[in-house]
Each structure stands twice: as C-alpha cells, then as structure tokens.
Amino acid sequence: MDDPSVEPLIDVGVGPMPPPWPDDPRLDPALLADGDHRNVLDQYRYWTVDAIRADLDAHRAPLHVAIQNWEHDFNIGSIVRTANAFNVSGVHIVGRRRWNRRGAMVTDRYLDVVHHPDVQSLTDWASDAGVQLIGVDNLPEAVPLEGHPLPERCCLVFGSEGPGLTDELVAACDHLVAIAQNGSTRSLNAGAAAAIAMWAWRLQHVSIVSPDEDCAT
C-alpha cells in the first residue's frame, strides 16, 4: 500500500456491532458501524485511538528506546512496533526527523515518538528526566547483555543499520551492552537487536509490568 499512514486491511478483527450500542465514550461510532479490523488486542475493539492511548498511558513501562537516524533506516518502523508491544514510555529518534513509518504498522499512533536533532539534545533530555542511556552494540568495550543489570529508568540506544552507534553517542552512554552471538554474521539486524534488548529489560523488571497489562500491537 502506498500510504503508510493508512492501516493495512488484514483478516483480523470483528465486524459491525449490532445496535443498540453501549453508552461508552471510549467507543468509535464509525468502528461500531463498519467493524474493527485493526491489529489491536480484543480488549480495545471499537475503541478510539485516543482512548487506547489513554489506557496505555496508565501503565507505561519506565523504559525508553532511542534510534539514530542518519541514513533513513528502515528498521526504525520495526523498532517502533516492538516498543509499542512492550508499552514503553517513548521512542526517541536522533538525527533526521523523517523516518520510514511503513514497518511501524501505524503503532506510532499509540505511543510518543520524540525527535532529537542531535546527540546533545538526547543527552540533555535524559539528564533532565533522570534516565540512563544504555548503548546496545557489539563493540569491544561492551559487556554482555545477558546477566547485566539494566536500570529501571533507562533508554536503550541503537545505531543505524550497518555503522551502528556513532562515536559521539557511544561517549554519551552510561553503559554499553552487546548481545552474545554464536554464528558467523558480524551483527544482528537492528530491529531484532532492539526486540531482544527490550525483552531483556522486561525480564529484569517484570514486577512492574503486570502480565495483564499488555498493549496493542
């Protein structure tokens, strides 16, 4: 589909709700009338986007994710979608403002996506917010992600596909971690690495993310 802002039609969801409709301000009359085929959890069927966001906001994980966008990286959309799945507090894009939204599958509607023009802007935000920057890259000075304690309030930082984190952002990070690999490839796809790192954070902080507080994907 040519317009990435339009949610693709996929064979999921529910059809129109027969009247009379519930008196619930969270419900979208258009979805009630036409059916809801969005890729959202069943508990959010027929809800407006604003209502879904408000519900997610009530139990956001205190985790952030940042991605450098020097090369219009197509992985950003995938990372945003995964960030929505883990209901993180925000995604931060460092560098170019424009990014490829196709891979996000419109999940950027359900969380904050913040732009930072440069590394200094990201570090200033992190300092003000009391958030530690954790770089994720297979650099010589990085420690294994496995078993490394991740702060509850942190921002996992990823570089562009290929070059990885820039020297400037490496210097700005409080810690560097790497995902152990046993195969022949030099590095993981940035989207895959982000998913692994977010899951690692969740495993360490599962007590603050209730199993029944999953988000729309």
N, C-alpha and C. Protein backbone atom coordinates (compact mmCIF):
# COMPACT_ATOMS: atom_id res chain seq x y z
N MET A 1 0.84 -1.17 0.00
CA MET A 1 0.00 0.00 0.00
C MET A 1 0.89 1.24 0.00
N ASP A 2 0.49 2.26 -0.77
CA ASP A 2 1.36 3.41 -0.99
C ASP A 2 1.40 4.37 0.18
N ASP A 3 0.29 4.47 0.92
CA ASP A 3 0.22 5.44 2.01
C ASP A 3 0.48 4.72 3.33
N PRO A 4 1.69 4.88 3.93
CA PRO A 4 2.00 4.17 5.17
C PRO A 4 1.21 4.68 6.36
N SER A 5 0.52 5.82 6.24
CA SER A 5 -0.28 6.33 7.34
C SER A 5 -1.63 5.64 7.44
N VAL A 6 -1.98 4.87 6.42
CA VAL A 6 -3.25 4.15 6.42
C VAL A 6 -3.02 2.73 6.87
N GLU A 7 -3.76 2.29 7.88
CA GLU A 7 -3.56 0.95 8.40
C GLU A 7 -3.99 -0.08 7.36
N PRO A 8 -3.15 -1.07 7.06
CA PRO A 8 -3.48 -2.05 6.04
C PRO A 8 -4.65 -2.93 6.44
N LEU A 9 -5.41 -3.37 5.45
CA LEU A 9 -6.52 -4.26 5.70
C LEU A 9 -5.99 -5.68 5.83
N ILE A 10 -6.19 -6.30 6.97
CA ILE A 10 -5.76 -7.67 7.18
C ILE A 10 -6.93 -8.44 7.78
N ASP A 11 -6.89 -9.72 7.66
CA ASP A 11 -8.01 -10.56 8.04
C ASP A 11 -8.01 -10.82 9.54
N VAL A 12 -8.22 -9.76 10.30
CA VAL A 12 -8.33 -9.87 11.75
C VAL A 12 -9.49 -8.98 12.17
N GLY A 13 -9.85 -9.10 13.43
CA GLY A 13 -10.83 -8.17 13.97
C GLY A 13 -12.24 -8.69 13.99
N VAL A 14 -13.16 -7.75 14.06
CA VAL A 14 -14.57 -8.07 14.20
C VAL A 14 -15.39 -7.21 13.24
N GLY A 15 -16.58 -7.67 12.94
CA GLY A 15 -17.47 -6.93 12.07
C GLY A 15 -18.26 -5.88 12.83
N PRO A 16 -19.24 -5.27 12.19
CA PRO A 16 -20.06 -4.25 12.85
C PRO A 16 -20.74 -4.80 14.10
N MET A 17 -20.90 -3.93 15.09
CA MET A 17 -21.63 -4.33 16.30
C MET A 17 -23.11 -4.04 16.11
N PRO A 18 -23.96 -5.04 16.29
CA PRO A 18 -25.40 -4.80 16.13
C PRO A 18 -25.89 -3.79 17.18
N PRO A 19 -26.76 -2.87 16.78
CA PRO A 19 -27.34 -1.95 17.76
C PRO A 19 -28.33 -2.71 18.66
N PRO A 20 -28.64 -2.13 19.82
CA PRO A 20 -28.18 -0.82 20.32
C PRO A 20 -26.74 -0.89 20.83
N TRP A 21 -26.00 0.21 20.62
CA TRP A 21 -24.60 0.26 21.01
C TRP A 21 -24.46 0.66 22.47
N PRO A 22 -23.40 0.18 23.13
CA PRO A 22 -23.16 0.57 24.53
C PRO A 22 -22.92 2.08 24.65
N ASP A 23 -23.33 2.61 25.77
CA ASP A 23 -23.09 4.03 26.04
C ASP A 23 -21.72 4.16 26.69
N ASP A 24 -20.68 4.16 25.84
CA ASP A 24 -19.31 4.17 26.33
C ASP A 24 -18.52 5.19 25.50
N PRO A 25 -18.05 6.27 26.11
CA PRO A 25 -17.35 7.32 25.34
C PRO A 25 -16.05 6.84 24.71
N ARG A 26 -15.54 5.69 25.12
CA ARG A 26 -14.30 5.18 24.52
C ARG A 26 -14.54 4.59 23.13
N LEU A 27 -15.76 4.29 22.80
CA LEU A 27 -16.08 3.61 21.55
C LEU A 27 -16.19 4.58 20.38
N ASP A 28 -15.76 4.13 19.22
CA ASP A 28 -15.77 4.93 17.99
C ASP A 28 -17.00 4.55 17.17
N PRO A 29 -17.94 5.47 16.95
CA PRO A 29 -19.16 5.13 16.21
C PRO A 29 -18.87 4.57 14.82
N ALA A 30 -17.84 5.06 14.14
CA ALA A 30 -17.53 4.57 12.80
C ALA A 30 -17.09 3.11 12.86
N LEU A 31 -16.31 2.75 13.87
CA LEU A 31 -15.87 1.36 14.01
C LEU A 31 -17.04 0.46 14.41
N LEU A 32 -17.91 0.96 15.26
CA LEU A 32 -19.09 0.19 15.64
C LEU A 32 -19.95 -0.12 14.42
N ALA A 33 -20.05 0.84 13.53
CA ALA A 33 -20.89 0.68 12.35
C ALA A 33 -20.24 -0.17 11.27
N ASP A 34 -18.93 -0.03 11.09
CA ASP A 34 -18.24 -0.68 9.97
C ASP A 34 -17.43 -1.91 10.36
N GLY A 35 -17.19 -2.10 11.65
CA GLY A 35 -16.32 -3.18 12.09
C GLY A 35 -14.93 -2.66 12.41
N ASP A 36 -14.19 -3.42 13.20
CA ASP A 36 -12.85 -3.01 13.63
C ASP A 36 -11.86 -4.09 13.21
N HIS A 37 -11.08 -3.80 12.18
CA HIS A 37 -10.11 -4.76 11.65
C HIS A 37 -8.67 -4.31 11.91
N ARG A 38 -8.48 -3.45 12.91
CA ARG A 38 -7.14 -3.03 13.28
C ARG A 38 -6.41 -4.16 14.02
N ASN A 39 -5.10 -4.09 14.01
CA ASN A 39 -4.30 -5.08 14.72
C ASN A 39 -4.11 -4.63 16.17
N VAL A 40 -5.19 -4.77 16.95
CA VAL A 40 -5.17 -4.40 18.36
C VAL A 40 -5.70 -5.56 19.18
N LEU A 41 -5.41 -5.52 20.48
CA LEU A 41 -5.94 -6.54 21.38
C LEU A 41 -7.46 -6.50 21.39
N ASP A 42 -8.07 -7.65 21.68
CA ASP A 42 -9.53 -7.73 21.69
C ASP A 42 -10.14 -6.75 22.69
N GLN A 43 -9.43 -6.47 23.79
CA GLN A 43 -9.99 -5.55 24.78
C GLN A 43 -10.14 -4.13 24.24
N TYR A 44 -9.44 -3.83 23.12
CA TYR A 44 -9.51 -2.49 22.54
C TYR A 44 -10.39 -2.43 21.30
N ARG A 45 -11.13 -3.49 21.02
CA ARG A 45 -12.00 -3.47 19.85
C ARG A 45 -13.03 -2.34 19.96
N TYR A 46 -13.16 -1.59 18.88
CA TYR A 46 -14.10 -0.47 18.72
C TYR A 46 -13.68 0.78 19.48
N TRP A 47 -12.55 0.73 20.21
CA TRP A 47 -12.12 1.93 20.93
C TRP A 47 -11.50 2.93 19.96
N THR A 48 -11.60 4.21 20.30
CA THR A 48 -10.90 5.24 19.54
C THR A 48 -9.41 5.14 19.82
N VAL A 49 -8.60 5.71 18.93
CA VAL A 49 -7.15 5.74 19.15
C VAL A 49 -6.82 6.49 20.43
N ASP A 50 -7.50 7.61 20.66
CA ASP A 50 -7.23 8.40 21.87
C ASP A 50 -7.55 7.60 23.13
N ALA A 51 -8.61 6.81 23.10
CA ALA A 51 -8.98 6.01 24.27
C ALA A 51 -7.95 4.92 24.52
N ILE A 52 -7.47 4.30 23.46
CA ILE A 52 -6.43 3.27 23.61
C ILE A 52 -5.17 3.88 24.19
N ARG A 53 -4.75 5.03 23.65
CA ARG A 53 -3.54 5.69 24.16
C ARG A 53 -3.70 6.04 25.63
N ALA A 54 -4.85 6.55 26.02
CA ALA A 54 -5.07 6.93 27.41
C ALA A 54 -4.96 5.71 28.32
N ASP A 55 -5.48 4.58 27.89
CA ASP A 55 -5.40 3.37 28.69
C ASP A 55 -3.96 2.88 28.79
N LEU A 56 -3.23 2.93 27.69
CA LEU A 56 -1.82 2.52 27.72
C LEU A 56 -0.99 3.46 28.59
N ASP A 57 -1.31 4.75 28.54
CA ASP A 57 -0.57 5.73 29.34
C ASP A 57 -0.66 5.43 30.84
N ALA A 58 -1.73 4.77 31.24
CA ALA A 58 -1.94 4.50 32.66
C ALA A 58 -0.96 3.47 33.20
N HIS A 59 -0.30 2.71 32.33
CA HIS A 59 0.64 1.70 32.80
C HIS A 59 1.83 1.53 31.86
N ARG A 60 2.39 2.65 31.43
CA ARG A 60 3.59 2.60 30.61
C ARG A 60 4.78 2.03 31.39
N ALA A 61 5.61 1.25 30.70
CA ALA A 61 6.87 0.81 31.31
C ALA A 61 7.81 2.01 31.36
N PRO A 62 8.61 2.14 32.42
CA PRO A 62 9.55 3.27 32.53
C PRO A 62 10.79 3.07 31.67
N LEU A 63 10.58 2.53 30.50
CA LEU A 63 11.65 2.24 29.55
C LEU A 63 11.48 3.12 28.32
N HIS A 64 12.59 3.63 27.80
CA HIS A 64 12.59 4.39 26.55
C HIS A 64 13.52 3.71 25.56
N VAL A 65 13.34 4.02 24.30
CA VAL A 65 14.19 3.48 23.24
C VAL A 65 14.60 4.64 22.34
N ALA A 66 15.87 4.68 21.95
CA ALA A 66 16.35 5.72 21.03
C ALA A 66 17.05 5.07 19.85
N ILE A 67 16.87 5.67 18.67
CA ILE A 67 17.49 5.16 17.45
C ILE A 67 18.11 6.31 16.70
N GLN A 68 19.35 6.13 16.28
CA GLN A 68 19.98 7.13 15.41
C GLN A 68 19.42 6.97 14.00
N ASN A 69 19.15 8.09 13.37
CA ASN A 69 18.50 8.08 12.06
C ASN A 69 19.33 8.90 11.06
N TRP A 70 20.58 8.53 10.90
CA TRP A 70 21.44 9.26 9.97
C TRP A 70 21.22 8.80 8.53
N GLU A 71 20.70 7.58 8.33
CA GLU A 71 20.62 7.02 6.99
C GLU A 71 19.21 6.62 6.60
N HIS A 72 18.19 7.24 7.21
CA HIS A 72 16.79 6.92 6.92
C HIS A 72 16.57 5.42 7.06
N ASP A 73 16.93 4.90 8.21
CA ASP A 73 16.96 3.47 8.48
C ASP A 73 15.56 2.86 8.44
N PHE A 74 15.36 1.83 7.62
CA PHE A 74 14.05 1.18 7.53
C PHE A 74 13.71 0.40 8.80
N ASN A 75 14.70 0.11 9.65
CA ASN A 75 14.45 -0.64 10.88
C ASN A 75 13.68 0.17 11.92
N ILE A 76 13.65 1.47 11.78
CA ILE A 76 13.00 2.30 12.80
C ILE A 76 11.54 1.92 12.96
N GLY A 77 10.85 1.70 11.86
CA GLY A 77 9.44 1.31 11.94
C GLY A 77 9.25 0.04 12.73
N SER A 78 10.11 -0.93 12.48
CA SER A 78 10.03 -2.20 13.22
C SER A 78 10.29 -2.00 14.70
N ILE A 79 11.26 -1.14 15.03
CA ILE A 79 11.56 -0.87 16.44
C ILE A 79 10.40 -0.18 17.12
N VAL A 80 9.76 0.75 16.43
CA VAL A 80 8.59 1.43 17.00
C VAL A 80 7.48 0.42 17.28
N ARG A 81 7.27 -0.51 16.36
CA ARG A 81 6.23 -1.52 16.57
C ARG A 81 6.53 -2.38 17.79
N THR A 82 7.79 -2.79 17.95
CA THR A 82 8.18 -3.58 19.11
C THR A 82 8.04 -2.76 20.39
N ALA A 83 8.42 -1.50 20.33
CA ALA A 83 8.28 -0.62 21.50
C ALA A 83 6.83 -0.51 21.93
N ASN A 84 5.92 -0.46 20.97
CA ASN A 84 4.50 -0.46 21.30
C ASN A 84 4.10 -1.77 21.97
N ALA A 85 4.63 -2.88 21.47
CA ALA A 85 4.28 -4.18 22.04
C ALA A 85 4.69 -4.28 23.51
N PHE A 86 5.81 -3.62 23.88
CA PHE A 86 6.26 -3.62 25.27
C PHE A 86 5.76 -2.40 26.03
N ASN A 87 4.96 -1.57 25.39
CA ASN A 87 4.34 -0.39 26.01
C ASN A 87 5.36 0.51 26.69
N VAL A 88 6.43 0.83 25.95
CA VAL A 88 7.46 1.70 26.52
C VAL A 88 6.93 3.13 26.63
N SER A 89 7.66 3.92 27.40
CA SER A 89 7.21 5.30 27.62
C SER A 89 7.42 6.20 26.42
N GLY A 90 8.41 5.88 25.59
CA GLY A 90 8.63 6.73 24.42
C GLY A 90 9.73 6.20 23.53
N VAL A 91 9.66 6.58 22.26
CA VAL A 91 10.71 6.28 21.28
C VAL A 91 11.33 7.61 20.87
N HIS A 92 12.66 7.65 20.85
CA HIS A 92 13.38 8.88 20.54
C HIS A 92 14.20 8.67 19.27
N ILE A 93 13.98 9.52 18.29
CA ILE A 93 14.69 9.42 17.02
C ILE A 93 15.70 10.55 16.95
N VAL A 94 16.97 10.18 16.81
CA VAL A 94 18.06 11.14 16.84
C VAL A 94 18.61 11.33 15.44
N GLY A 95 18.57 12.56 14.95
CA GLY A 95 19.07 12.84 13.61
C GLY A 95 17.96 13.35 12.71
N ARG A 96 17.75 12.68 11.60
CA ARG A 96 16.70 13.10 10.67
C ARG A 96 15.33 12.99 11.32
N ARG A 97 14.51 13.98 11.04
CA ARG A 97 13.16 13.97 11.58
C ARG A 97 12.29 12.94 10.87
N ARG A 98 12.45 12.83 9.56
CA ARG A 98 11.63 11.90 8.78
C ARG A 98 12.16 10.48 8.94
N TRP A 99 11.26 9.52 9.07
CA TRP A 99 11.66 8.13 9.17
C TRP A 99 10.62 7.26 8.46
N ASN A 100 11.03 6.07 8.10
CA ASN A 100 10.18 5.16 7.33
C ASN A 100 9.14 4.53 8.26
N ARG A 101 7.89 4.95 8.13
CA ARG A 101 6.83 4.51 9.03
C ARG A 101 6.18 3.19 8.61
N ARG A 102 6.53 2.69 7.45
CA ARG A 102 5.83 1.51 6.94
C ARG A 102 5.92 0.33 7.92
N GLY A 103 7.13 0.07 8.45
CA GLY A 103 7.30 -1.06 9.34
C GLY A 103 6.60 -0.90 10.68
N ALA A 104 6.22 0.32 11.04
CA ALA A 104 5.55 0.54 12.32
C ALA A 104 4.11 0.04 12.31
N MET A 105 3.54 -0.17 11.13
CA MET A 105 2.16 -0.65 11.02
C MET A 105 1.21 0.21 11.86
N VAL A 106 1.41 1.52 11.78
CA VAL A 106 0.64 2.58 12.45
C VAL A 106 0.66 2.49 13.98
N THR A 107 1.54 1.68 14.56
CA THR A 107 1.63 1.62 16.02
C THR A 107 2.18 2.90 16.62
N ASP A 108 2.77 3.78 15.79
CA ASP A 108 3.24 5.06 16.32
C ASP A 108 2.07 5.93 16.79
N ARG A 109 0.84 5.55 16.46
CA ARG A 109 -0.31 6.28 16.97
C ARG A 109 -0.50 6.09 18.48
N TYR A 110 0.07 5.01 19.01
CA TYR A 110 -0.25 4.61 20.37
C TYR A 110 0.85 4.92 21.39
N LEU A 111 1.90 5.61 20.98
CA LEU A 111 2.95 5.99 21.92
C LEU A 111 3.63 7.27 21.43
N ASP A 112 4.42 7.88 22.31
CA ASP A 112 5.11 9.11 21.96
C ASP A 112 6.36 8.80 21.14
N VAL A 113 6.50 9.45 20.01
CA VAL A 113 7.72 9.37 19.20
C VAL A 113 8.31 10.78 19.18
N VAL A 114 9.48 10.93 19.82
CA VAL A 114 10.08 12.24 20.04
C VAL A 114 11.30 12.40 19.15
N HIS A 115 11.45 13.56 18.54
CA HIS A 115 12.60 13.81 17.67
C HIS A 115 13.65 14.63 18.41
N HIS A 116 14.91 14.22 18.26
CA HIS A 116 16.06 14.97 18.78
C HIS A 116 16.98 15.27 17.59
N PRO A 117 17.27 16.51 17.32
CA PRO A 117 18.08 16.83 16.15
C PRO A 117 19.51 16.33 16.23
N ASP A 118 20.02 16.14 17.47
CA ASP A 118 21.41 15.70 17.61
C ASP A 118 21.58 14.97 18.94
N VAL A 119 22.78 14.43 19.14
CA VAL A 119 23.06 13.65 20.34
C VAL A 119 22.94 14.49 21.60
N GLN A 120 23.39 15.74 21.55
CA GLN A 120 23.32 16.61 22.72
C GLN A 120 21.89 16.80 23.19
N SER A 121 20.96 16.90 22.25
CA SER A 121 19.56 17.05 22.61
C SER A 121 19.06 15.81 23.36
N LEU A 122 19.46 14.62 22.91
CA LEU A 122 19.07 13.39 23.59
C LEU A 122 19.66 13.33 24.99
N THR A 123 20.95 13.66 25.12
CA THR A 123 21.59 13.59 26.43
C THR A 123 21.01 14.63 27.39
N ASP A 124 20.65 15.78 26.89
CA ASP A 124 20.02 16.79 27.74
C ASP A 124 18.68 16.29 28.26
N TRP A 125 17.90 15.67 27.38
CA TRP A 125 16.61 15.11 27.79
C TRP A 125 16.81 14.04 28.85
N ALA A 126 17.75 13.13 28.61
CA ALA A 126 17.99 12.03 29.55
C ALA A 126 18.41 12.54 30.92
N SER A 127 19.27 13.55 30.93
CA SER A 127 19.72 14.12 32.20
C SER A 127 18.56 14.75 32.96
N ASP A 128 17.73 15.51 32.27
CA ASP A 128 16.59 16.16 32.91
C ASP A 128 15.57 15.13 33.41
N ALA A 129 15.42 14.02 32.67
CA ALA A 129 14.41 13.01 33.01
C ALA A 129 14.93 11.98 34.01
N GLY A 130 16.23 12.02 34.33
CA GLY A 130 16.78 11.02 35.24
C GLY A 130 16.82 9.64 34.63
N VAL A 131 17.12 9.58 33.33
CA VAL A 131 17.12 8.32 32.58
C VAL A 131 18.56 8.02 32.13
N GLN A 132 19.01 6.79 32.37
CA GLN A 132 20.34 6.40 31.92
C GLN A 132 20.30 5.91 30.47
N LEU A 133 21.32 6.30 29.71
CA LEU A 133 21.43 5.86 28.32
C LEU A 133 22.25 4.58 28.27
N ILE A 134 21.66 3.52 27.72
CA ILE A 134 22.32 2.22 27.61
C ILE A 134 22.50 1.91 26.13
N GLY A 135 23.73 2.02 25.64
CA GLY A 135 24.00 1.72 24.25
C GLY A 135 24.01 0.22 24.00
N VAL A 136 23.42 -0.19 22.88
CA VAL A 136 23.38 -1.61 22.52
C VAL A 136 24.10 -1.78 21.19
N ASP A 137 25.30 -2.34 21.25
CA ASP A 137 26.11 -2.53 20.04
C ASP A 137 27.23 -3.50 20.38
N ASN A 138 27.68 -4.26 19.39
CA ASN A 138 28.73 -5.26 19.65
C ASN A 138 30.11 -4.63 19.51
N LEU A 139 30.38 -3.71 20.41
CA LEU A 139 31.66 -3.01 20.43
C LEU A 139 32.62 -3.69 21.42
N PRO A 140 33.92 -3.54 21.22
CA PRO A 140 34.88 -4.22 22.10
C PRO A 140 34.70 -3.89 23.58
N GLU A 141 34.29 -2.65 23.88
CA GLU A 141 34.17 -2.25 25.27
C GLU A 141 32.82 -2.61 25.90
N ALA A 142 31.90 -3.18 25.12
CA ALA A 142 30.57 -3.52 25.62
C ALA A 142 30.63 -4.79 26.47
N VAL A 143 29.76 -4.83 27.50
CA VAL A 143 29.65 -6.02 28.34
C VAL A 143 28.46 -6.83 27.86
N PRO A 144 28.43 -8.14 28.11
CA PRO A 144 27.30 -8.96 27.64
C PRO A 144 25.98 -8.51 28.24
N LEU A 145 24.97 -8.41 27.40
CA LEU A 145 23.63 -8.06 27.88
C LEU A 145 23.12 -9.10 28.86
N GLU A 146 23.42 -10.36 28.57
CA GLU A 146 22.97 -11.45 29.42
C GLU A 146 23.56 -11.30 30.83
N GLY A 147 22.70 -11.15 31.81
CA GLY A 147 23.14 -11.04 33.18
C GLY A 147 23.52 -9.64 33.62
N HIS A 148 23.55 -8.69 32.69
CA HIS A 148 23.91 -7.32 33.08
C HIS A 148 22.67 -6.59 33.60
N PRO A 149 22.72 -6.03 34.80
CA PRO A 149 21.55 -5.33 35.33
C PRO A 149 21.24 -4.07 34.54
N LEU A 150 20.02 -3.96 34.11
CA LEU A 150 19.56 -2.77 33.38
C LEU A 150 18.75 -1.90 34.33
N PRO A 151 19.03 -0.61 34.38
CA PRO A 151 18.27 0.27 35.27
C PRO A 151 16.79 0.26 34.93
N GLU A 152 15.96 0.44 35.94
CA GLU A 152 14.52 0.51 35.69
C GLU A 152 14.19 1.68 34.78
N ARG A 153 14.79 2.84 35.07
CA ARG A 153 14.59 4.02 34.24
C ARG A 153 15.79 4.17 33.31
N CYS A 154 15.63 3.64 32.11
CA CYS A 154 16.73 3.73 31.16
C CYS A 154 16.20 3.89 29.75
N CYS A 155 17.11 4.21 28.86
CA CYS A 155 16.79 4.35 27.44
C CYS A 155 17.78 3.48 26.68
N LEU A 156 17.28 2.45 26.02
CA LEU A 156 18.13 1.59 25.19
C LEU A 156 18.39 2.31 23.88
N VAL A 157 19.67 2.44 23.52
CA VAL A 157 20.06 3.27 22.38
C VAL A 157 20.66 2.39 21.29
N PHE A 158 20.16 2.57 20.06
CA PHE A 158 20.60 1.77 18.92
C PHE A 158 21.09 2.68 17.80
N GLY A 159 22.08 2.20 17.07
CA GLY A 159 22.61 2.94 15.94
C GLY A 159 21.90 2.58 14.66
N SER A 160 22.26 3.26 13.59
CA SER A 160 21.72 2.94 12.28
C SER A 160 22.20 1.56 11.84
N GLU A 161 21.40 0.90 11.03
CA GLU A 161 21.78 -0.40 10.49
C GLU A 161 23.10 -0.27 9.74
N GLY A 162 24.04 -1.14 10.05
CA GLY A 162 25.34 -1.12 9.38
C GLY A 162 26.41 -0.46 10.23
N PRO A 163 26.45 0.89 10.27
CA PRO A 163 27.53 1.54 11.03
C PRO A 163 27.37 1.45 12.54
N GLY A 164 26.15 1.21 13.02
CA GLY A 164 25.96 1.13 14.46
C GLY A 164 26.00 2.49 15.13
N LEU A 165 26.28 2.50 16.42
CA LEU A 165 26.33 3.75 17.18
C LEU A 165 27.51 4.60 16.74
N THR A 166 27.29 5.91 16.64
CA THR A 166 28.38 6.82 16.34
C THR A 166 29.27 6.98 17.58
N ASP A 167 30.49 7.41 17.37
CA ASP A 167 31.42 7.63 18.48
C ASP A 167 30.85 8.63 19.48
N GLU A 168 30.17 9.64 18.98
CA GLU A 168 29.61 10.67 19.86
C GLU A 168 28.56 10.08 20.79
N LEU A 169 27.71 9.22 20.26
CA LEU A 169 26.67 8.64 21.09
C LEU A 169 27.23 7.58 22.03
N VAL A 170 28.24 6.84 21.58
CA VAL A 170 28.91 5.89 22.47
C VAL A 170 29.45 6.63 23.70
N ALA A 171 30.07 7.77 23.47
CA ALA A 171 30.64 8.54 24.57
C ALA A 171 29.56 9.07 25.52
N ALA A 172 28.35 9.27 25.00
CA ALA A 172 27.26 9.82 25.81
C ALA A 172 26.57 8.76 26.65
N CYS A 173 26.75 7.49 26.33
CA CYS A 173 26.04 6.42 27.02
C CYS A 173 26.65 6.14 28.39
N ASP A 174 25.80 5.80 29.34
CA ASP A 174 26.26 5.44 30.68
C ASP A 174 26.86 4.03 30.70
N HIS A 175 26.31 3.14 29.88
CA HIS A 175 26.80 1.78 29.78
C HIS A 175 26.66 1.31 28.34
N LEU A 176 27.47 0.32 27.97
CA LEU A 176 27.37 -0.32 26.66
C LEU A 176 27.18 -1.81 26.87
N VAL A 177 26.19 -2.38 26.18
CA VAL A 177 25.95 -3.82 26.26
C VAL A 177 25.93 -4.40 24.86
N ALA A 178 26.23 -5.70 24.78
CA ALA A 178 26.21 -6.39 23.49
C ALA A 178 25.47 -7.71 23.65
N ILE A 179 24.80 -8.12 22.58
CA ILE A 179 24.06 -9.38 22.58
C ILE A 179 25.00 -10.48 22.09
N ALA A 180 25.16 -11.52 22.88
CA ALA A 180 26.06 -12.62 22.52
C ALA A 180 25.57 -13.33 21.26
N GLN A 181 26.50 -13.66 20.37
CA GLN A 181 26.18 -14.36 19.13
C GLN A 181 27.16 -15.53 18.95
N ASN A 182 26.66 -16.58 18.32
CA ASN A 182 27.48 -17.77 18.10
C ASN A 182 27.65 -18.12 16.63
N GLY A 183 27.02 -17.37 15.75
CA GLY A 183 27.10 -17.67 14.32
C GLY A 183 28.20 -16.89 13.63
N SER A 184 28.11 -16.84 12.31
CA SER A 184 29.18 -16.21 11.53
C SER A 184 28.92 -14.75 11.21
N THR A 185 27.67 -14.31 11.32
CA THR A 185 27.37 -12.92 10.96
C THR A 185 27.96 -11.96 11.99
N ARG A 186 28.39 -10.79 11.49
CA ARG A 186 29.05 -9.83 12.37
C ARG A 186 28.08 -9.20 13.36
N SER A 187 26.84 -8.99 12.94
CA SER A 187 25.90 -8.29 13.80
C SER A 187 24.48 -8.71 13.50
N LEU A 188 23.60 -8.44 14.46
CA LEU A 188 22.18 -8.69 14.29
C LEU A 188 21.54 -7.52 13.56
N ASN A 189 20.43 -7.80 12.90
CA ASN A 189 19.58 -6.74 12.37
C ASN A 189 19.18 -5.82 13.52
N ALA A 190 19.18 -4.51 13.27
CA ALA A 190 18.90 -3.56 14.35
C ALA A 190 17.52 -3.77 14.97
N GLY A 191 16.54 -4.10 14.15
CA GLY A 191 15.21 -4.35 14.67
C GLY A 191 15.17 -5.57 15.58
N ALA A 192 15.88 -6.63 15.19
CA ALA A 192 15.94 -7.83 16.01
C ALA A 192 16.68 -7.57 17.31
N ALA A 193 17.78 -6.83 17.23
CA ALA A 193 18.55 -6.50 18.44
C ALA A 193 17.71 -5.69 19.42
N ALA A 194 16.92 -4.76 18.91
CA ALA A 194 16.07 -3.94 19.78
C ALA A 194 15.03 -4.80 20.49
N ALA A 195 14.44 -5.75 19.76
CA ALA A 195 13.44 -6.62 20.38
C ALA A 195 14.05 -7.45 21.50
N ILE A 196 15.26 -7.99 21.26
CA ILE A 196 15.94 -8.79 22.29
C ILE A 196 16.24 -7.94 23.52
N ALA A 197 16.74 -6.73 23.30
CA ALA A 197 17.12 -5.87 24.42
C ALA A 197 15.90 -5.44 25.23
N MET A 198 14.80 -5.12 24.56
CA MET A 198 13.58 -4.75 25.29
C MET A 198 13.06 -5.92 26.11
N TRP A 199 13.14 -7.12 25.54
CA TRP A 199 12.70 -8.31 26.27
C TRP A 199 13.60 -8.56 27.47
N ALA A 200 14.91 -8.33 27.31
CA ALA A 200 15.84 -8.49 28.43
C ALA A 200 15.49 -7.53 29.57
N TRP A 201 15.14 -6.29 29.22
CA TRP A 201 14.73 -5.33 30.24
C TRP A 201 13.46 -5.81 30.94
N ARG A 202 12.51 -6.30 30.16
CA ARG A 202 11.25 -6.76 30.75
C ARG A 202 11.48 -7.92 31.71
N LEU A 203 12.38 -8.86 31.36
CA LEU A 203 12.65 -9.99 32.25
C LEU A 203 13.17 -9.52 33.60
N GLN A 204 13.95 -8.44 33.60
CA GLN A 204 14.52 -7.94 34.85
C GLN A 204 13.53 -7.14 35.67
N HIS A 205 12.52 -6.58 35.00
CA HIS A 205 11.59 -5.68 35.69
C HIS A 205 10.14 -6.14 35.53
N VAL A 206 9.95 -7.44 35.47
CA VAL A 206 8.60 -7.98 35.23
C VAL A 206 7.64 -7.60 36.34
N SER A 207 8.16 -7.33 37.55
CA SER A 207 7.29 -6.98 38.67
C SER A 207 6.57 -5.66 38.46
N ILE A 208 7.11 -4.81 37.59
CA ILE A 208 6.46 -3.52 37.35
C ILE A 208 5.67 -3.53 36.05
N VAL A 209 5.65 -4.68 35.37
CA VAL A 209 4.87 -4.81 34.14
C VAL A 209 3.98 -6.03 34.31
N SER A 210 2.75 -5.81 34.75
CA SER A 210 1.84 -6.90 35.01
C SER A 210 1.50 -7.64 33.73
N PRO A 211 1.41 -8.99 33.75
CA PRO A 211 1.12 -9.77 32.54
C PRO A 211 -0.19 -9.38 31.87
N ASP A 212 -1.15 -8.86 32.64
CA ASP A 212 -2.42 -8.49 32.03
C ASP A 212 -2.43 -7.05 31.54
N GLU A 213 -1.26 -6.41 31.55
CA GLU A 213 -1.16 -5.03 31.08
C GLU A 213 -0.39 -4.98 29.77
N ASP A 214 -0.73 -5.86 28.85
CA ASP A 214 -0.12 -5.85 27.55
C ASP A 214 -0.76 -4.77 26.69
N CYS A 215 -0.04 -4.33 25.67
CA CYS A 215 -0.52 -3.22 24.86
C CYS A 215 -0.97 -3.69 23.49
N ALA A 216 -1.59 -2.77 22.75
CA ALA A 216 -1.99 -3.06 21.39
C ALA A 216 -0.78 -3.19 20.50
N THR A 217 -0.82 -4.09 19.55
CA THR A 217 0.30 -4.29 18.64
C THR A 217 -0.12 -4.06 17.21
